[in-house]
Amino acid sequence: MFLKGKRGLVVGIANDASIAWGCARAFRAHGAEVAVTWLNDRARGYVEPLAEQLDAPIRMPLDVTQPEQMAALFAEIERRWGRLDFLLHSIAFAPKADLQGRLVNSSREGFLTAMDVSCHSLMRLAAAAEPLMTEGGSILTMSYYGAEKVVTHYNLMGPVKAALEASVKYLAAELGAQGIRVNALSPGPIKTRAASGLADFDRLMELAAQRAALHQLVTLEQIGEMAAFLVGDNARQVTGQTIYVDAGYNIRG
């Protein structure tokens, strides 16, 4: 129960196959209270039953492109809790045509949308969370190996995730004086609804299992355990890092 007494916001649960769900479940198992958001009314039907399992005291909609929703969410967190100890940002989006097409052919609108939702939203959430992290805190986002090396079919999301990882470093430097740590977790491929939008994703998973040093794929539980460690006090000297949880896939080159 090393997170007992901590309160955190989880952004990005879409269903019970979401990486954010694996993390939220681990946070709760280790004693934290968790606030949960859903993207829209359609997602709410999948997320609310999961929020029930977490005994989440705060459950609200959050489309990160809607400033009024973000303002309402953080106002409620301040009203109910008065502080925030950690924040998980686990959202990414690119229009399908831009995601599945060549990077050189990506549209300006598609690129800007992907960058806004997948990267700049972290900055907006960090800005909203900073005043509530009065005793320090931890901000964690989700990246992927395609930010560092070219992964076939990852296309537009490669540059976007690279920008996200650079943002983690700069946010860590800016917020460190307030005791706020910022890190990225980079899991190996896992079958989520978001990942299913990538072309040939099943083949990508198969190759990852073959190439990983441990010759296996990671699970939601394993990702969640590392996320729980990173937002906890035992990782209080870890900031500005991208931590791989991919069974050693990234070391193979």
Protein backbone atom coordinates (compact mmCIF):
# COMPACT_ATOMS: atom_id res chain seq x y z
CA MET A 1 0.00 0.00 0.00
CA PHE A 2 2.86 2.41 -0.80
CA LEU A 3 0.45 4.87 -2.43
CA LYS A 4 -1.88 5.05 0.57
CA GLY A 5 -2.96 8.62 1.18
CA LYS A 6 -2.12 9.79 -2.33
CA ARG A 7 -4.67 11.17 -4.75
CA GLY A 8 -4.28 11.06 -8.49
CA LEU A 9 -6.01 11.86 -11.76
CA VAL A 10 -6.07 9.28 -14.56
CA VAL A 11 -6.80 10.60 -18.06
CA GLY A 12 -7.17 8.12 -20.90
CA ILE A 13 -9.27 5.14 -19.81
CA ALA A 14 -11.38 4.04 -22.77
CA ASN A 15 -12.21 0.46 -21.75
CA ASP A 16 -10.76 -2.46 -19.78
CA ALA A 17 -8.02 -2.98 -22.39
CA SER A 18 -6.64 0.54 -21.96
CA ILE A 19 -3.14 1.08 -20.63
CA ALA A 20 -4.65 3.79 -18.43
CA TRP A 21 -6.96 1.19 -16.89
CA GLY A 22 -4.04 -1.09 -16.05
CA CYS A 23 -2.33 1.85 -14.36
CA ALA A 24 -5.43 3.04 -12.51
CA ARG A 25 -6.03 -0.45 -11.18
CA ALA A 26 -2.46 -0.62 -9.88
CA PHE A 27 -2.71 2.82 -8.29
CA ARG A 28 -5.85 1.78 -6.44
CA ALA A 29 -4.42 -1.61 -5.43
CA HIS A 30 -1.52 0.20 -3.79
CA GLY A 31 -3.80 2.48 -1.80
CA ALA A 32 -4.30 5.63 -3.88
CA GLU A 33 -7.59 7.42 -4.47
CA VAL A 34 -8.15 7.89 -8.18
CA ALA A 35 -10.16 10.41 -10.18
CA VAL A 36 -11.30 9.15 -13.58
CA THR A 37 -12.36 10.85 -16.82
CA TRP A 38 -14.06 9.71 -20.01
CA LEU A 39 -13.83 11.27 -23.45
CA ASN A 40 -17.52 11.51 -24.38
CA ASP A 41 -20.95 9.99 -23.76
CA ARG A 42 -20.11 6.93 -25.84
CA ALA A 43 -17.00 6.22 -23.77
CA ARG A 44 -18.83 6.87 -20.51
CA GLY A 45 -20.70 3.58 -20.80
CA TYR A 46 -17.39 1.70 -20.80
CA VAL A 47 -15.57 3.82 -18.23
CA GLU A 48 -18.16 4.29 -15.48
CA PRO A 49 -18.28 0.57 -14.53
CA LEU A 50 -14.47 0.67 -14.23
CA ALA A 51 -14.69 3.81 -12.11
CA GLU A 52 -17.06 1.88 -9.84
CA GLN A 53 -14.42 -0.82 -9.41
CA LEU A 54 -11.93 1.87 -8.40
CA ASP A 55 -14.37 3.56 -6.00
CA ALA A 56 -13.43 6.73 -7.84
CA PRO A 57 -14.83 9.74 -5.94
CA ILE A 58 -14.42 12.05 -8.96
CA ARG A 59 -15.76 10.94 -12.36
CA MET A 60 -16.12 13.53 -15.07
CA PRO A 61 -15.95 14.04 -18.84
CA LEU A 62 -12.73 15.36 -20.31
CA ASP A 63 -12.09 16.08 -23.94
CA VAL A 64 -8.69 17.80 -23.78
CA THR A 65 -9.62 19.97 -26.75
CA GLN A 66 -12.41 21.56 -24.64
CA PRO A 67 -10.91 24.09 -22.17
CA GLU A 68 -14.14 24.43 -20.19
CA GLN A 69 -14.17 20.69 -19.41
CA MET A 70 -10.60 20.81 -18.16
CA ALA A 71 -11.35 23.86 -16.01
CA ALA A 72 -14.40 22.15 -14.50
CA LEU A 73 -12.45 18.97 -13.76
CA PHE A 74 -9.63 20.71 -11.91
CA ALA A 75 -12.09 22.94 -10.05
CA GLU A 76 -13.81 19.77 -8.79
CA ILE A 77 -10.48 18.21 -7.80
CA GLU A 78 -9.62 21.33 -5.82
CA ARG A 79 -13.06 21.41 -4.20
CA ARG A 80 -13.08 17.72 -3.23
CA TRP A 81 -9.42 17.07 -2.49
CA GLY A 82 -7.68 20.42 -2.22
CA ARG A 83 -4.54 18.93 -3.76
CA LEU A 84 -3.27 16.47 -6.35
CA ASP A 85 -0.36 14.06 -5.87
CA PHE A 86 -0.07 12.54 -9.33
CA LEU A 87 -1.41 12.76 -12.86
CA LEU A 88 -1.43 10.12 -15.58
CA HIS A 89 -1.69 11.33 -19.19
CA SER A 90 -2.44 8.37 -21.45
CA ILE A 91 -4.08 9.78 -24.55
CA ALA A 92 -3.09 9.92 -28.20
CA PHE A 93 -4.98 10.52 -31.42
CA ALA A 94 -4.35 11.06 -35.12
CA PRO A 95 -6.89 11.06 -37.95
CA LYS A 96 -6.90 7.62 -39.57
CA ALA A 97 -5.91 8.84 -43.04
CA ASP A 98 -2.84 10.58 -41.62
CA LEU A 99 -1.97 7.74 -39.27
CA GLN A 100 -2.09 5.06 -41.95
CA GLY A 101 -0.58 7.12 -44.76
CA ARG A 102 3.02 8.12 -45.42
CA LEU A 103 4.44 10.82 -43.19
CA VAL A 104 5.44 12.88 -46.22
CA ASN A 105 1.80 12.95 -47.28
CA SER A 106 0.33 13.78 -43.88
CA SER A 107 -2.01 16.74 -43.86
CA ARG A 108 -1.25 19.89 -41.94
CA GLU A 109 -4.58 19.58 -40.12
CA GLY A 110 -3.93 15.93 -39.22
CA PHE A 111 -0.46 16.66 -37.91
CA LEU A 112 -1.66 19.60 -35.81
CA THR A 113 -4.52 17.53 -34.40
CA ALA A 114 -2.20 14.67 -33.48
CA MET A 115 0.28 17.04 -31.85
CA ASP A 116 -2.42 18.92 -29.95
CA VAL A 117 -4.21 15.88 -28.52
CA SER A 118 -1.19 13.63 -28.01
CA CYS A 119 1.47 16.12 -26.90
CA HIS A 120 0.36 19.65 -26.08
CA SER A 121 -2.48 18.30 -23.94
CA LEU A 122 0.21 17.10 -21.51
CA MET A 123 1.38 20.68 -21.10
CA ARG A 124 -2.16 21.94 -20.52
CA LEU A 125 -2.80 19.25 -17.93
CA ALA A 126 0.53 19.96 -16.23
CA ALA A 127 -0.31 23.67 -16.06
CA ALA A 128 -3.66 22.88 -14.44
CA ALA A 129 -2.15 20.35 -12.03
CA GLU A 130 0.83 22.46 -10.91
CA PRO A 131 -1.09 24.72 -8.46
CA LEU A 132 -2.64 21.64 -6.83
CA MET A 133 0.68 19.82 -6.35
CA THR A 134 1.47 21.91 -3.31
CA GLU A 135 3.67 19.23 -1.73
CA GLY A 136 5.31 18.13 -4.96
CA GLY A 137 3.93 15.46 -7.21
CA SER A 138 4.41 13.20 -10.19
CA ILE A 139 3.24 13.55 -13.78
CA LEU A 140 3.45 10.49 -16.02
CA THR A 141 2.72 10.12 -19.74
CA MET A 142 2.81 7.24 -22.21
CA SER A 143 5.20 7.02 -25.14
CA TYR A 144 6.38 4.26 -27.49
CA TYR A 145 9.63 3.02 -29.06
CA GLY A 146 8.57 4.61 -32.35
CA ALA A 147 9.63 7.95 -30.86
CA GLU A 148 13.26 6.82 -30.87
CA LYS A 149 13.51 4.48 -33.88
CA VAL A 150 11.52 4.11 -37.06
CA VAL A 151 8.78 1.52 -36.57
CA THR A 152 7.00 0.34 -39.71
CA HIS A 153 3.43 1.70 -39.92
CA TYR A 154 3.87 3.99 -36.88
CA ASN A 155 4.13 6.87 -39.35
CA LEU A 156 2.82 10.21 -38.05
CA MET A 157 2.85 9.16 -34.41
CA GLY A 158 6.64 8.74 -34.42
CA PRO A 159 7.42 12.48 -34.62
CA VAL A 160 4.52 13.23 -32.27
CA LYS A 161 5.80 10.84 -29.59
CA ALA A 162 9.33 12.18 -30.06
CA ALA A 163 7.97 15.65 -29.29
CA LEU A 164 6.19 14.20 -26.26
CA GLU A 165 9.41 12.71 -24.89
CA ALA A 166 11.25 16.01 -25.41
CA SER A 167 8.40 17.79 -23.63
CA VAL A 168 8.84 15.47 -20.65
CA LYS A 169 12.44 16.62 -20.25
CA TYR A 170 11.59 20.30 -20.47
CA LEU A 171 8.61 20.00 -18.12
CA ALA A 172 10.76 18.11 -15.64
CA ALA A 173 13.32 20.92 -15.69
CA GLU A 174 10.67 23.62 -15.29
CA LEU A 175 8.66 21.94 -12.55
CA GLY A 176 11.50 20.38 -10.57
CA ALA A 177 11.87 23.39 -8.27
CA GLN A 178 8.31 22.71 -7.03
CA GLY A 179 9.17 19.08 -6.35
CA ILE A 180 7.10 17.92 -9.33
CA ARG A 181 8.57 15.03 -11.30
CA VAL A 182 7.71 14.34 -14.94
CA ASN A 183 8.42 11.03 -16.67
CA ALA A 184 7.33 8.98 -19.66
CA LEU A 185 6.61 5.27 -19.62
CA SER A 186 7.28 3.46 -22.91
CA PRO A 187 5.50 0.09 -22.98
CA GLY A 188 5.97 -2.52 -25.64
CA PRO A 189 3.07 -3.05 -28.04
CA ILE A 190 -0.15 -4.10 -26.37
CA LYS A 191 -3.56 -4.60 -27.96
CA THR A 192 -5.60 -1.51 -27.16
CA ARG A 193 -8.33 0.20 -29.13
CA ALA A 194 -5.98 3.06 -29.99
CA ALA A 195 -3.23 0.72 -31.21
CA SER A 196 -5.66 -1.17 -33.41
CA GLY A 197 -5.71 1.86 -35.69
CA LEU A 198 -2.15 1.10 -36.80
CA ALA A 199 -1.83 -0.89 -40.01
CA ASP A 200 -0.60 -4.48 -39.51
CA PHE A 201 -0.63 -4.09 -35.73
CA ASP A 202 -0.99 -7.84 -35.13
CA ARG A 203 2.21 -8.39 -37.11
CA LEU A 204 3.93 -5.68 -35.09
CA MET A 205 3.03 -7.50 -31.88
CA GLU A 206 4.24 -10.81 -33.23
CA LEU A 207 7.60 -9.33 -34.23
CA ALA A 208 7.94 -7.58 -30.88
CA ALA A 209 7.51 -10.85 -29.01
CA GLN A 210 10.13 -12.49 -31.22
CA ARG A 211 12.68 -9.68 -30.89
CA ALA A 212 12.24 -8.82 -27.21
CA ALA A 213 15.08 -9.99 -24.97
CA LEU A 214 12.56 -11.88 -22.82
CA HIS A 215 10.70 -13.20 -25.93
CA GLN A 216 7.31 -12.11 -24.65
CA LEU A 217 4.91 -9.19 -24.68
CA VAL A 218 4.17 -7.06 -21.65
CA THR A 219 0.81 -7.05 -19.87
CA LEU A 220 -1.40 -4.29 -18.52
CA GLU A 221 -0.55 -5.46 -15.02
CA GLN A 222 3.19 -5.10 -15.61
CA ILE A 223 2.79 -1.63 -17.09
CA GLY A 224 0.55 -0.65 -14.17
CA GLU A 225 3.08 -1.80 -11.58
CA MET A 226 5.83 0.32 -13.13
CA ALA A 227 3.48 3.31 -13.34
CA ALA A 228 2.61 2.90 -9.66
CA PHE A 229 6.30 2.81 -8.76
CA LEU A 230 7.02 5.97 -10.76
CA VAL A 231 4.28 8.03 -9.10
CA GLY A 232 5.29 6.79 -5.65
CA ASP A 233 7.84 8.16 -3.20
CA ASN A 234 10.33 5.38 -3.92
CA ALA A 235 10.93 7.03 -7.30
CA ARG A 236 11.27 10.56 -5.87
CA GLN A 237 14.68 11.05 -7.52
CA VAL A 238 13.51 9.91 -10.96
CA THR A 239 12.46 12.69 -13.33
CA GLY A 240 12.81 13.65 -16.98
CA GLN A 241 13.14 10.00 -17.99
CA THR A 242 11.60 7.67 -20.54
CA ILE A 243 11.35 4.29 -18.84
CA TYR A 244 10.90 1.22 -21.05
CA VAL A 245 8.61 -1.62 -20.04
CA ASP A 246 8.89 -3.74 -23.16
CA ALA A 247 10.57 -7.02 -22.17
CA GLY A 248 13.83 -5.65 -23.54
CA TYR A 249 12.63 -4.99 -27.09
CA ASN A 250 14.27 -1.55 -27.25
CA ILE A 251 17.80 -2.90 -26.64
CA ARG A 252 17.80 -5.03 -29.77
CA GLY A 253 18.20 -2.15 -32.22
